[in-house]
Amino acid sequence: MAEHGKCGRAIIPGTGQVKYPYMHHAKFFNSIYAIGIFSGFIGVTATFWYMSWIAAVVFLGGAIGVFALCIAHYRQLSEDKDRLKKTQ
């Protein structure tokens, strides 16, 4: 029968494994594990930051394109209005 506290733990030692002499560096492994979790969080945050930056550039490009279309449409309406006045 497996001893409680030994089953399923590979790298991160629990309180039951600290008593073994080969785990004298358990705090080091716990520190590395915490740094890994923090680095993963930073990576995910950076990914979302990068994706939002790309989305912002695409949105800005679309907004500039729509602005140019609105200006062209306004000019076309102005020209049509002037032609209507001349024909009347």
N, C-alpha and C. Protein backbone atom coordinates (compact mmCIF):
# COMPACT_ATOMS: atom_id res chain seq x y z
N MET A 1 0.84 -1.18 0.00
CA MET A 1 0.00 0.00 0.00
C MET A 1 0.89 1.24 0.00
N ALA A 2 0.51 2.23 -0.79
CA ALA A 2 1.32 3.44 -0.89
C ALA A 2 1.18 4.29 0.36
N GLU A 3 2.32 4.86 0.73
CA GLU A 3 2.33 5.73 1.91
C GLU A 3 1.69 7.07 1.54
N HIS A 4 0.90 7.63 2.44
CA HIS A 4 0.22 8.90 2.17
C HIS A 4 1.25 10.00 2.00
N GLY A 5 1.11 10.78 0.95
CA GLY A 5 2.01 11.90 0.70
C GLY A 5 3.05 11.59 -0.36
N LYS A 6 3.23 10.35 -0.76
CA LYS A 6 4.23 9.99 -1.76
C LYS A 6 3.62 9.81 -3.14
N CYS A 7 2.38 9.51 -3.22
CA CYS A 7 1.74 9.16 -4.48
C CYS A 7 1.48 10.41 -5.34
N GLY A 8 1.94 10.40 -6.59
CA GLY A 8 1.61 11.44 -7.55
C GLY A 8 2.44 12.69 -7.46
N ARG A 9 3.52 12.70 -6.74
CA ARG A 9 4.35 13.90 -6.64
C ARG A 9 5.71 13.60 -7.27
N ALA A 10 6.03 14.34 -8.29
CA ALA A 10 7.28 14.07 -8.98
C ALA A 10 8.34 15.11 -8.67
N ILE A 11 8.04 16.37 -8.90
CA ILE A 11 9.04 17.43 -8.74
C ILE A 11 8.78 18.25 -7.48
N ILE A 12 7.55 18.60 -7.23
CA ILE A 12 7.21 19.46 -6.11
C ILE A 12 7.03 18.60 -4.87
N PRO A 13 7.92 18.71 -3.93
CA PRO A 13 7.78 17.88 -2.72
C PRO A 13 6.72 18.45 -1.79
N GLY A 14 6.00 17.55 -1.15
CA GLY A 14 5.04 17.96 -0.14
C GLY A 14 5.68 17.89 1.23
N THR A 15 4.90 18.14 2.24
CA THR A 15 5.44 18.11 3.60
C THR A 15 5.87 16.71 3.99
N GLY A 16 5.28 15.68 3.39
CA GLY A 16 5.65 14.31 3.69
C GLY A 16 6.98 13.91 3.08
N GLN A 17 7.41 14.58 2.01
CA GLN A 17 8.64 14.21 1.33
C GLN A 17 9.85 15.00 1.80
N VAL A 18 9.65 16.07 2.50
CA VAL A 18 10.76 16.90 2.94
C VAL A 18 11.66 16.14 3.91
N LYS A 19 11.14 15.17 4.62
CA LYS A 19 11.92 14.42 5.59
C LYS A 19 12.95 13.50 4.94
N TYR A 20 12.83 13.26 3.63
CA TYR A 20 13.79 12.40 2.95
C TYR A 20 15.05 13.18 2.61
N PRO A 21 16.23 12.57 2.77
CA PRO A 21 17.49 13.30 2.58
C PRO A 21 17.74 13.74 1.14
N TYR A 22 17.17 13.03 0.16
CA TYR A 22 17.41 13.44 -1.23
C TYR A 22 16.61 14.68 -1.61
N MET A 23 15.75 15.16 -0.75
CA MET A 23 14.94 16.34 -1.05
C MET A 23 15.40 17.55 -0.25
N HIS A 24 16.69 17.64 0.01
CA HIS A 24 17.19 18.79 0.77
C HIS A 24 17.11 20.09 -0.03
N HIS A 25 16.89 20.01 -1.32
CA HIS A 25 16.78 21.19 -2.17
C HIS A 25 15.33 21.44 -2.58
N ALA A 26 14.39 21.11 -1.75
CA ALA A 26 12.96 21.25 -2.07
C ALA A 26 12.57 22.72 -2.23
N LYS A 27 13.15 23.60 -1.44
CA LYS A 27 12.81 25.03 -1.56
C LYS A 27 13.24 25.57 -2.93
N PHE A 28 14.36 25.05 -3.43
CA PHE A 28 14.82 25.46 -4.75
C PHE A 28 13.79 25.07 -5.81
N PHE A 29 13.31 23.81 -5.75
CA PHE A 29 12.30 23.36 -6.72
C PHE A 29 11.01 24.16 -6.59
N ASN A 30 10.62 24.46 -5.38
CA ASN A 30 9.40 25.27 -5.19
C ASN A 30 9.59 26.66 -5.76
N SER A 31 10.78 27.23 -5.61
CA SER A 31 11.06 28.56 -6.16
C SER A 31 11.02 28.52 -7.68
N ILE A 32 11.65 27.49 -8.26
CA ILE A 32 11.64 27.36 -9.72
C ILE A 32 10.21 27.18 -10.24
N TYR A 33 9.41 26.40 -9.54
CA TYR A 33 8.02 26.19 -9.92
C TYR A 33 7.25 27.50 -9.87
N ALA A 34 7.44 28.29 -8.83
CA ALA A 34 6.75 29.59 -8.70
C ALA A 34 7.20 30.55 -9.80
N ILE A 35 8.48 30.54 -10.11
CA ILE A 35 8.99 31.40 -11.19
C ILE A 35 8.39 30.97 -12.53
N GLY A 36 8.23 29.66 -12.72
CA GLY A 36 7.61 29.16 -13.95
C GLY A 36 6.16 29.60 -14.09
N ILE A 37 5.42 29.53 -13.01
CA ILE A 37 4.02 29.98 -13.03
C ILE A 37 3.95 31.48 -13.34
N PHE A 38 4.81 32.26 -12.70
CA PHE A 38 4.85 33.71 -12.93
C PHE A 38 5.24 34.01 -14.38
N SER A 39 6.22 33.28 -14.91
CA SER A 39 6.65 33.48 -16.30
C SER A 39 5.53 33.13 -17.27
N GLY A 40 4.78 32.08 -16.98
CA GLY A 40 3.64 31.72 -17.82
C GLY A 40 2.58 32.81 -17.82
N PHE A 41 2.33 33.39 -16.66
CA PHE A 41 1.36 34.48 -16.56
C PHE A 41 1.83 35.68 -17.38
N ILE A 42 3.11 36.01 -17.28
CA ILE A 42 3.66 37.13 -18.06
C ILE A 42 3.54 36.83 -19.56
N GLY A 43 3.80 35.59 -19.95
CA GLY A 43 3.70 35.21 -21.36
C GLY A 43 2.29 35.33 -21.90
N VAL A 44 1.32 34.88 -21.13
CA VAL A 44 -0.08 34.97 -21.56
C VAL A 44 -0.51 36.44 -21.64
N THR A 45 -0.11 37.23 -20.66
CA THR A 45 -0.43 38.65 -20.67
C THR A 45 0.20 39.34 -21.87
N ALA A 46 1.46 39.00 -22.17
CA ALA A 46 2.13 39.60 -23.33
C ALA A 46 1.44 39.21 -24.63
N THR A 47 0.95 37.98 -24.69
CA THR A 47 0.24 37.54 -25.90
C THR A 47 -1.02 38.35 -26.12
N PHE A 48 -1.80 38.53 -25.06
CA PHE A 48 -3.02 39.33 -25.19
C PHE A 48 -2.69 40.79 -25.51
N TRP A 49 -1.61 41.31 -24.92
CA TRP A 49 -1.18 42.68 -25.22
C TRP A 49 -0.83 42.80 -26.69
N TYR A 50 -0.07 41.83 -27.20
CA TYR A 50 0.34 41.85 -28.60
C TYR A 50 -0.86 41.74 -29.52
N MET A 51 -1.80 40.85 -29.20
CA MET A 51 -2.98 40.68 -30.03
C MET A 51 -3.85 41.94 -30.01
N SER A 52 -3.96 42.59 -28.85
CA SER A 52 -4.76 43.81 -28.79
C SER A 52 -4.07 44.93 -29.57
N TRP A 53 -2.74 44.92 -29.58
CA TRP A 53 -2.01 45.93 -30.35
C TRP A 53 -2.28 45.74 -31.84
N ILE A 54 -2.24 44.50 -32.30
CA ILE A 54 -2.54 44.22 -33.71
C ILE A 54 -3.97 44.61 -34.03
N ALA A 55 -4.90 44.27 -33.14
CA ALA A 55 -6.31 44.63 -33.36
C ALA A 55 -6.47 46.14 -33.43
N ALA A 56 -5.74 46.87 -32.60
CA ALA A 56 -5.84 48.33 -32.61
C ALA A 56 -5.31 48.90 -33.93
N VAL A 57 -4.23 48.36 -34.45
CA VAL A 57 -3.69 48.84 -35.73
C VAL A 57 -4.66 48.53 -36.86
N VAL A 58 -5.25 47.34 -36.85
CA VAL A 58 -6.24 46.99 -37.88
C VAL A 58 -7.46 47.91 -37.79
N PHE A 59 -7.92 48.17 -36.57
CA PHE A 59 -9.06 49.06 -36.39
C PHE A 59 -8.72 50.48 -36.87
N LEU A 60 -7.53 50.95 -36.54
CA LEU A 60 -7.13 52.29 -36.97
C LEU A 60 -7.06 52.36 -38.50
N GLY A 61 -6.50 51.32 -39.13
CA GLY A 61 -6.46 51.29 -40.60
C GLY A 61 -7.85 51.29 -41.21
N GLY A 62 -8.75 50.51 -40.60
CA GLY A 62 -10.14 50.50 -41.08
C GLY A 62 -10.82 51.84 -40.90
N ALA A 63 -10.56 52.48 -39.78
CA ALA A 63 -11.16 53.80 -39.53
C ALA A 63 -10.65 54.84 -40.52
N ILE A 64 -9.37 54.78 -40.84
CA ILE A 64 -8.82 55.72 -41.84
C ILE A 64 -9.44 55.44 -43.21
N GLY A 65 -9.59 54.16 -43.55
CA GLY A 65 -10.22 53.82 -44.83
C GLY A 65 -11.66 54.30 -44.92
N VAL A 66 -12.42 54.10 -43.86
CA VAL A 66 -13.82 54.55 -43.85
C VAL A 66 -13.89 56.08 -43.90
N PHE A 67 -12.96 56.74 -43.23
CA PHE A 67 -12.93 58.21 -43.28
C PHE A 67 -12.68 58.69 -44.72
N ALA A 68 -11.74 58.03 -45.41
CA ALA A 68 -11.46 58.40 -46.81
C ALA A 68 -12.69 58.15 -47.68
N LEU A 69 -13.40 57.05 -47.46
CA LEU A 69 -14.62 56.79 -48.24
C LEU A 69 -15.69 57.83 -47.96
N CYS A 70 -15.83 58.25 -46.71
CA CYS A 70 -16.83 59.27 -46.37
C CYS A 70 -16.50 60.60 -47.05
N ILE A 71 -15.22 60.96 -47.06
CA ILE A 71 -14.82 62.21 -47.73
C ILE A 71 -15.11 62.10 -49.23
N ALA A 72 -14.78 60.96 -49.85
CA ALA A 72 -15.04 60.78 -51.28
C ALA A 72 -16.54 60.83 -51.56
N HIS A 73 -17.34 60.22 -50.71
CA HIS A 73 -18.79 60.23 -50.89
C HIS A 73 -19.34 61.66 -50.75
N TYR A 74 -18.84 62.40 -49.78
CA TYR A 74 -19.28 63.78 -49.59
C TYR A 74 -18.94 64.63 -50.81
N ARG A 75 -17.74 64.44 -51.35
CA ARG A 75 -17.35 65.20 -52.54
C ARG A 75 -18.24 64.84 -53.73
N GLN A 76 -18.56 63.56 -53.86
CA GLN A 76 -19.42 63.13 -54.96
C GLN A 76 -20.82 63.74 -54.81
N LEU A 77 -21.35 63.76 -53.59
CA LEU A 77 -22.65 64.38 -53.38
C LEU A 77 -22.61 65.88 -53.66
N SER A 78 -21.52 66.53 -53.30
CA SER A 78 -21.39 67.97 -53.58
C SER A 78 -21.36 68.24 -55.08
N GLU A 79 -20.62 67.40 -55.82
CA GLU A 79 -20.58 67.57 -57.27
C GLU A 79 -21.94 67.31 -57.89
N ASP A 80 -22.65 66.30 -57.43
CA ASP A 80 -23.98 66.01 -57.95
C ASP A 80 -24.94 67.15 -57.66
N LYS A 81 -24.81 67.73 -56.49
CA LYS A 81 -25.68 68.86 -56.11
C LYS A 81 -25.40 70.06 -57.01
N ASP A 82 -24.12 70.33 -57.30
CA ASP A 82 -23.77 71.45 -58.19
C ASP A 82 -24.30 71.21 -59.60
N ARG A 83 -24.21 69.97 -60.09
CA ARG A 83 -24.73 69.65 -61.44
C ARG A 83 -26.23 69.81 -61.51
N LEU A 84 -26.94 69.44 -60.43
CA LEU A 84 -28.39 69.61 -60.40
C LEU A 84 -28.77 71.08 -60.47
N LYS A 85 -28.04 71.93 -59.77
CA LYS A 85 -28.32 73.37 -59.78
C LYS A 85 -28.09 73.96 -61.16
N LYS A 86 -27.06 73.49 -61.86
CA LYS A 86 -26.74 74.02 -63.18
C LYS A 86 -27.78 73.62 -64.22
N THR A 87 -28.35 72.44 -64.07
CA THR A 87 -29.34 71.98 -65.04
C THR A 87 -30.71 72.59 -64.81
N GLN A 88 -30.99 73.11 -63.65
CA GLN A 88 -32.32 73.67 -63.38
C GLN A 88 -32.44 75.08 -63.84
